[in-house]
Amino acid sequence: MEDKVYWAELQSALSSVGLNVKVGIPNPRYPWFGKIDAKPFTMTISPKSEEDGFRDFMIISLYGQKEEKIIPPLSKFMGYEPFCKYLHKENPKASATYEWDRKDPKARLKKLKEDVDVYELQELEKGFQSPQIQNMDRFFQQFTPEIVRGWEEVVQENPDAEWNFNQAHNLLPFLKKVMPRIAQNQSCFGLSIISLNGRTPNEREIVQYGLEPLLTARVLTQEEAEQIVNWYLQTQPTWDRMIWNPRGTKNFRKEFEIEGVRYAFITDSYRGYRDLNLKVLTKGFGKFPKNNTK
């Protein structure tokens, strides 16, 4: 698990779920504080898990906000529901404190029940449930540690093994670090992280879902992810030619390095598909067939 929570990321992520929020600079007592709907809040929160992007816990105290308005977007931000609500004698001005916990909420609940300063404790029915976004398996397959281990075994047996016209050993550093969701469709121009055929309903949600592991692994920033989302929303699918610079939009490109291997994220539109591809930039790669097809 990462050992830091970043101010800019937290501000952006809380705002992106529809909260009118301003996050303050951390202090020793409350790692995070600020205002939601112009009223104070205090927060203790864990970093994102490197395995799946969820945060293990969050404790937030509200000071007069409408809970029915605030808690749903906070749960969307966490990816699951709070397990309890209470008041605390040492925090008398708080109108409510909520806790999210996916590791051991029962142990935490037991501790709260034994705390003499906690009162009006309510156990909430819903807790951690990995959110299932309907029909996402139409667009993505999830890389897992088991799949990566299988790739590593193949590469040990055959160092020149290829996948989708890329040498597998050059893709492994990226796959191990990111554990991405990759597109069911694959482009010949690289490993397709996202590949959409024609116009698709709920495109923003689909693209954001595909980008989540890249944000968790910090190979993309929130600002860069928004640029990619906007590229998908603004770019019209075309069939007869590849568009590197679609009219009215700016293609996205970012180069980065993992374990000595150079990569680039590149967007392109071709044969009705719009792709975000991972391209290996290491010299000697990029073997593509003469007739590129989906």
Protein backbone atom coordinates (compact mmCIF):
# COMPACT_ATOMS: atom_id res chain seq x y z
CA MET A 1 0.00 0.00 0.00
CA GLU A 2 1.20 3.51 -0.74
CA ASP A 3 2.17 5.42 2.37
CA LYS A 4 0.92 8.87 1.37
CA VAL A 5 -2.32 10.67 0.67
CA TYR A 6 -1.81 13.60 -1.68
CA TRP A 7 -3.63 16.90 -1.27
CA ALA A 8 -4.13 17.56 -4.99
CA GLU A 9 -5.41 14.04 -5.66
CA LEU A 10 -7.79 14.17 -2.70
CA GLN A 11 -9.15 17.57 -3.69
CA SER A 12 -9.69 16.43 -7.28
CA ALA A 13 -11.18 13.03 -6.40
CA LEU A 14 -13.67 14.45 -3.90
CA SER A 15 -14.71 17.16 -6.35
CA SER A 16 -15.10 14.67 -9.21
CA VAL A 17 -17.92 12.81 -7.41
CA GLY A 18 -19.99 15.98 -7.20
CA LEU A 19 -18.99 17.44 -3.84
CA ASN A 20 -18.55 21.17 -3.36
CA VAL A 21 -15.34 20.70 -1.41
CA LYS A 22 -12.23 22.59 -0.44
CA VAL A 23 -9.52 20.56 1.28
CA GLY A 24 -7.18 22.24 3.75
CA ILE A 25 -3.53 21.55 4.52
CA PRO A 26 -3.14 18.54 6.91
CA ASN A 27 -2.58 19.04 10.62
CA PRO A 28 -1.41 16.54 13.27
CA ARG A 29 -4.80 15.95 14.88
CA TYR A 30 -6.84 15.52 11.71
CA PRO A 31 -4.82 14.50 8.67
CA TRP A 32 -7.37 16.24 6.46
CA PHE A 33 -9.88 19.00 6.98
CA GLY A 34 -11.69 21.58 4.92
CA LYS A 35 -15.19 22.54 3.90
CA ILE A 36 -17.99 20.70 2.14
CA ASP A 37 -20.91 22.91 1.10
CA ALA A 38 -19.12 25.76 2.92
CA LYS A 39 -19.31 23.89 6.26
CA PRO A 40 -16.33 22.25 8.01
CA PHE A 41 -15.40 18.59 7.87
CA THR A 42 -12.52 16.56 9.33
CA MET A 43 -11.19 13.34 7.86
CA THR A 44 -8.81 10.49 8.57
CA ILE A 45 -8.21 8.41 5.44
CA SER A 46 -5.91 5.70 4.14
CA PRO A 47 -4.03 5.82 0.82
CA LYS A 48 -5.23 3.77 -2.13
CA SER A 49 -4.37 0.09 -2.22
CA GLU A 50 -1.89 -0.73 -4.97
CA GLU A 51 -3.75 -4.01 -5.56
CA ASP A 52 -7.18 -2.68 -6.51
CA GLY A 53 -7.31 1.08 -5.93
CA PHE A 54 -9.70 1.02 -2.96
CA ARG A 55 -8.95 2.84 0.30
CA ASP A 56 -9.08 0.58 3.37
CA PHE A 57 -10.77 3.08 5.68
CA MET A 58 -12.11 6.59 6.09
CA ILE A 59 -13.48 8.43 9.13
CA ILE A 60 -15.24 11.71 8.41
CA SER A 61 -16.97 14.11 10.77
CA LEU A 62 -19.55 16.52 9.39
CA TYR A 63 -20.64 19.81 10.91
CA GLY A 64 -24.16 20.50 9.76
CA GLN A 65 -24.11 19.26 6.16
CA LYS A 66 -27.14 17.39 4.86
CA GLU A 67 -26.07 13.77 5.28
CA GLU A 68 -28.48 12.43 2.66
CA LYS A 69 -26.73 14.69 0.13
CA ILE A 70 -23.12 14.20 1.28
CA ILE A 71 -22.85 10.48 2.11
CA PRO A 72 -23.74 9.04 -1.36
CA PRO A 73 -20.92 10.91 -3.18
CA LEU A 74 -18.51 10.07 -0.35
CA SER A 75 -19.44 6.41 -0.79
CA LYS A 76 -18.90 6.76 -4.53
CA PHE A 77 -15.48 8.26 -3.78
CA MET A 78 -14.61 5.32 -1.52
CA GLY A 79 -16.18 2.70 -3.79
CA TYR A 80 -18.28 1.22 -0.98
CA GLU A 81 -20.71 2.16 1.81
CA PRO A 82 -20.02 3.23 5.42
CA PHE A 83 -20.56 0.61 8.12
CA CYS A 84 -21.43 2.90 11.06
CA LYS A 85 -22.46 6.35 12.20
CA TYR A 86 -22.08 7.92 15.66
CA LEU A 87 -21.41 10.98 17.80
CA HIS A 88 -18.41 11.49 20.08
CA LYS A 89 -18.15 13.47 23.33
CA GLU A 90 -14.68 14.75 22.45
CA ASN A 91 -16.05 16.20 19.23
CA PRO A 92 -19.27 17.85 20.46
CA LYS A 93 -19.70 20.24 17.53
CA ALA A 94 -19.84 17.44 14.96
CA SER A 95 -23.35 16.66 13.70
CA ALA A 96 -22.33 13.13 12.64
CA THR A 97 -19.27 10.90 12.19
CA TYR A 98 -19.25 8.13 9.59
CA GLU A 99 -16.75 5.33 9.12
CA TRP A 100 -15.84 3.22 6.10
CA ASP A 101 -13.75 0.09 6.65
CA ARG A 102 -13.20 -2.93 4.45
CA LYS A 103 -10.52 -4.78 6.41
CA ASP A 104 -12.20 -5.56 9.72
CA PRO A 105 -15.30 -3.41 10.38
CA LYS A 106 -16.54 -5.86 13.05
CA ALA A 107 -13.43 -5.32 15.16
CA ARG A 108 -13.73 -1.57 14.71
CA LEU A 109 -17.43 -1.69 15.65
CA LYS A 110 -16.59 -3.65 18.81
CA LYS A 111 -14.02 -1.01 19.77
CA LEU A 112 -16.53 1.80 19.23
CA LYS A 113 -19.14 -0.01 21.36
CA GLU A 114 -16.61 -0.21 24.19
CA ASP A 115 -15.69 3.48 23.96
CA VAL A 116 -17.56 5.36 26.70
CA ASP A 117 -17.29 8.61 24.75
CA VAL A 118 -19.14 7.22 21.73
CA TYR A 119 -22.94 7.55 21.72
CA GLU A 120 -25.85 7.17 19.30
CA LEU A 121 -23.84 4.48 17.54
CA GLN A 122 -25.66 3.02 14.53
CA GLU A 123 -24.47 -0.04 12.67
CA LEU A 124 -25.28 0.43 8.98
CA GLU A 125 -26.29 -2.56 6.93
CA LYS A 126 -24.10 -1.98 3.91
CA GLY A 127 -20.34 -2.17 4.03
CA PHE A 128 -17.60 -3.01 1.58
CA GLN A 129 -18.85 -4.50 -1.64
CA SER A 130 -16.62 -4.27 -4.69
CA PRO A 131 -18.74 -2.20 -7.07
CA GLN A 132 -19.87 -4.00 -10.19
CA ILE A 133 -20.36 -1.65 -13.11
CA GLN A 134 -22.86 -3.28 -15.42
CA ASN A 135 -21.61 -4.75 -18.70
CA MET A 136 -18.00 -3.61 -18.25
CA ASP A 137 -16.85 -7.12 -19.18
CA ARG A 138 -17.97 -6.26 -22.73
CA PHE A 139 -15.15 -3.72 -22.89
CA PHE A 140 -12.40 -4.89 -20.52
CA GLN A 141 -10.53 -7.86 -19.16
CA GLN A 142 -8.71 -7.51 -15.84
CA PHE A 143 -5.04 -8.38 -15.45
CA THR A 144 -4.45 -10.24 -12.18
CA PRO A 145 -1.32 -11.46 -10.36
CA GLU A 146 -2.16 -14.99 -11.54
CA ILE A 147 -2.20 -13.90 -15.19
CA VAL A 148 1.08 -12.02 -14.78
CA ARG A 149 2.71 -15.07 -13.20
CA GLY A 150 1.58 -17.09 -16.22
CA TRP A 151 3.21 -14.56 -18.53
CA GLU A 152 6.43 -14.71 -16.50
CA GLU A 153 6.51 -18.50 -16.85
CA VAL A 154 6.07 -18.25 -20.61
CA VAL A 155 8.84 -15.65 -20.90
CA GLN A 156 11.20 -17.84 -18.86
CA GLU A 157 10.62 -20.67 -21.32
CA ASN A 158 10.77 -18.44 -24.39
CA PRO A 159 12.35 -14.97 -23.97
CA ASP A 160 11.18 -14.01 -27.47
CA ALA A 161 7.51 -14.80 -26.81
CA GLU A 162 5.19 -12.23 -28.39
CA TRP A 163 1.69 -11.03 -27.62
CA ASN A 164 -0.21 -8.82 -30.04
CA PHE A 165 3.01 -8.05 -31.96
CA ASN A 166 4.83 -6.98 -28.78
CA GLN A 167 7.55 -8.98 -27.07
CA ALA A 168 5.98 -10.12 -23.82
CA HIS A 169 9.01 -9.45 -21.61
CA ASN A 170 8.79 -5.75 -22.52
CA LEU A 171 5.14 -5.56 -21.48
CA LEU A 172 5.66 -7.34 -18.14
CA PRO A 173 7.09 -4.36 -16.16
CA PHE A 174 3.99 -2.33 -17.05
CA LEU A 175 1.58 -5.19 -16.35
CA LYS A 176 3.15 -5.97 -12.95
CA LYS A 177 3.09 -2.34 -11.81
CA VAL A 178 -0.33 -1.37 -13.11
CA MET A 179 -2.45 -4.56 -13.22
CA PRO A 180 -4.52 -2.79 -15.86
CA ARG A 181 -7.93 -3.44 -17.26
CA ILE A 182 -7.21 -3.90 -20.95
CA ALA A 183 -9.57 -3.74 -23.88
CA GLN A 184 -11.31 -6.82 -25.22
CA ASN A 185 -10.44 -5.46 -28.69
CA GLN A 186 -6.75 -5.14 -29.50
CA SER A 187 -5.13 -2.72 -31.91
CA CYS A 188 -2.07 -3.64 -33.99
CA PHE A 189 -0.56 -0.31 -32.93
CA GLY A 190 0.07 -1.42 -29.35
CA LEU A 191 -1.56 -2.90 -26.28
CA SER A 192 -5.04 -1.35 -26.18
CA ILE A 193 -5.90 -0.10 -22.72
CA ILE A 194 -9.24 1.20 -23.99
CA SER A 195 -10.76 0.37 -27.38
CA LEU A 196 -14.25 1.51 -28.30
CA ASN A 197 -15.94 0.50 -31.53
CA GLY A 198 -18.13 3.34 -32.74
CA ARG A 199 -20.15 5.51 -30.39
CA THR A 200 -20.97 3.86 -27.07
CA PRO A 201 -23.50 4.82 -24.37
CA ASN A 202 -21.99 6.01 -21.07
CA GLU A 203 -18.60 6.64 -22.67
CA ARG A 204 -17.31 8.78 -19.81
CA GLU A 205 -18.02 6.02 -17.29
CA ILE A 206 -16.44 3.35 -19.52
CA VAL A 207 -13.27 5.35 -20.11
CA GLN A 208 -12.94 6.36 -16.46
CA TYR A 209 -13.30 2.71 -15.44
CA GLY A 210 -10.49 1.73 -17.79
CA LEU A 211 -8.25 4.51 -16.51
CA GLU A 212 -8.63 3.74 -12.78
CA PRO A 213 -5.64 1.32 -12.55
CA LEU A 214 -3.44 3.85 -14.38
CA LEU A 215 -4.34 6.49 -11.80
CA THR A 216 -3.79 4.08 -8.92
CA ALA A 217 -0.33 3.18 -10.26
CA ARG A 218 0.39 6.89 -10.83
CA VAL A 219 1.40 6.46 -14.44
CA LEU A 220 -1.33 9.02 -15.17
CA THR A 221 -2.34 12.11 -13.24
CA GLN A 222 -5.96 13.09 -12.72
CA GLU A 223 -5.50 15.96 -15.17
CA GLU A 224 -4.10 13.62 -17.82
CA ALA A 225 -6.96 11.18 -17.27
CA GLU A 226 -9.44 13.98 -17.86
CA GLN A 227 -7.64 14.87 -21.11
CA ILE A 228 -8.10 11.28 -22.28
CA VAL A 229 -11.78 11.25 -21.27
CA ASN A 230 -12.34 14.46 -23.21
CA TRP A 231 -10.53 13.03 -26.25
CA TYR A 232 -12.96 10.10 -26.32
CA LEU A 233 -15.97 12.37 -25.90
CA GLN A 234 -14.88 14.78 -28.64
CA THR A 235 -13.37 12.42 -31.24
CA GLN A 236 -15.66 10.98 -33.91
CA PRO A 237 -14.98 7.37 -34.97
CA THR A 238 -13.74 7.06 -38.56
CA TRP A 239 -13.27 4.06 -40.84
CA ASP A 240 -11.22 4.98 -43.88
CA ARG A 241 -8.08 6.48 -42.38
CA MET A 242 -6.11 6.78 -39.17
CA ILE A 243 -6.51 10.12 -37.47
CA TRP A 244 -3.52 11.13 -35.40
CA ASN A 245 -4.84 14.68 -34.97
CA PRO A 246 -8.65 14.64 -35.12
CA ARG A 247 -10.20 17.94 -36.10
CA GLY A 248 -11.12 19.98 -33.04
CA THR A 249 -9.31 17.68 -30.61
CA LYS A 250 -5.75 17.11 -29.51
CA ASN A 251 -4.46 13.56 -29.44
CA PHE A 252 -3.01 12.41 -26.15
CA ARG A 253 0.56 11.18 -25.83
CA LYS A 254 2.65 10.57 -22.72
CA GLU A 255 6.01 8.83 -22.42
CA PHE A 256 7.21 7.16 -19.22
CA GLU A 257 9.57 4.46 -18.01
CA ILE A 258 9.20 1.38 -15.79
CA GLU A 259 12.18 -0.82 -14.92
CA GLY A 260 14.22 0.55 -17.81
CA VAL A 261 11.52 0.01 -20.45
CA ARG A 262 10.22 3.10 -22.22
CA TYR A 263 6.51 3.30 -22.96
CA ALA A 264 4.05 5.77 -24.43
CA PHE A 265 0.30 6.14 -24.08
CA ILE A 266 -1.07 7.16 -27.49
CA THR A 267 -4.65 7.79 -28.61
CA ASP A 268 -5.73 7.05 -32.19
CA SER A 269 -8.92 6.65 -34.21
CA TYR A 270 -9.00 4.05 -37.00
CA ARG A 271 -11.56 1.78 -38.69
CA GLY A 272 -14.36 2.88 -36.41
CA TYR A 273 -12.32 2.32 -33.25
CA ARG A 274 -10.95 4.86 -30.82
CA ASP A 275 -8.04 3.51 -28.80
CA LEU A 276 -5.76 4.39 -25.95
CA ASN A 277 -2.71 2.27 -26.75
CA LEU A 278 0.36 1.40 -24.75
CA LYS A 279 3.33 1.38 -27.13
CA VAL A 280 6.76 -0.01 -26.25
CA LEU A 281 9.42 2.51 -27.27
CA THR A 282 12.46 0.32 -26.58
CA LYS A 283 14.61 0.02 -29.71
CA GLY A 284 13.87 -3.00 -31.85
CA PHE A 285 10.15 -3.25 -31.10
CA GLY A 286 7.00 -2.35 -32.91
CA LYS A 287 6.67 -5.33 -35.25
CA PHE A 288 3.39 -4.86 -37.08
CA PRO A 289 1.92 -6.83 -40.00
CA LYS A 290 1.70 -5.06 -43.35
CA ASN A 291 -2.10 -4.97 -43.32
CA ASN A 292 -3.20 -3.66 -39.94
CA THR A 293 -6.64 -4.84 -38.95
CA LYS A 294 -8.64 -4.98 -35.76
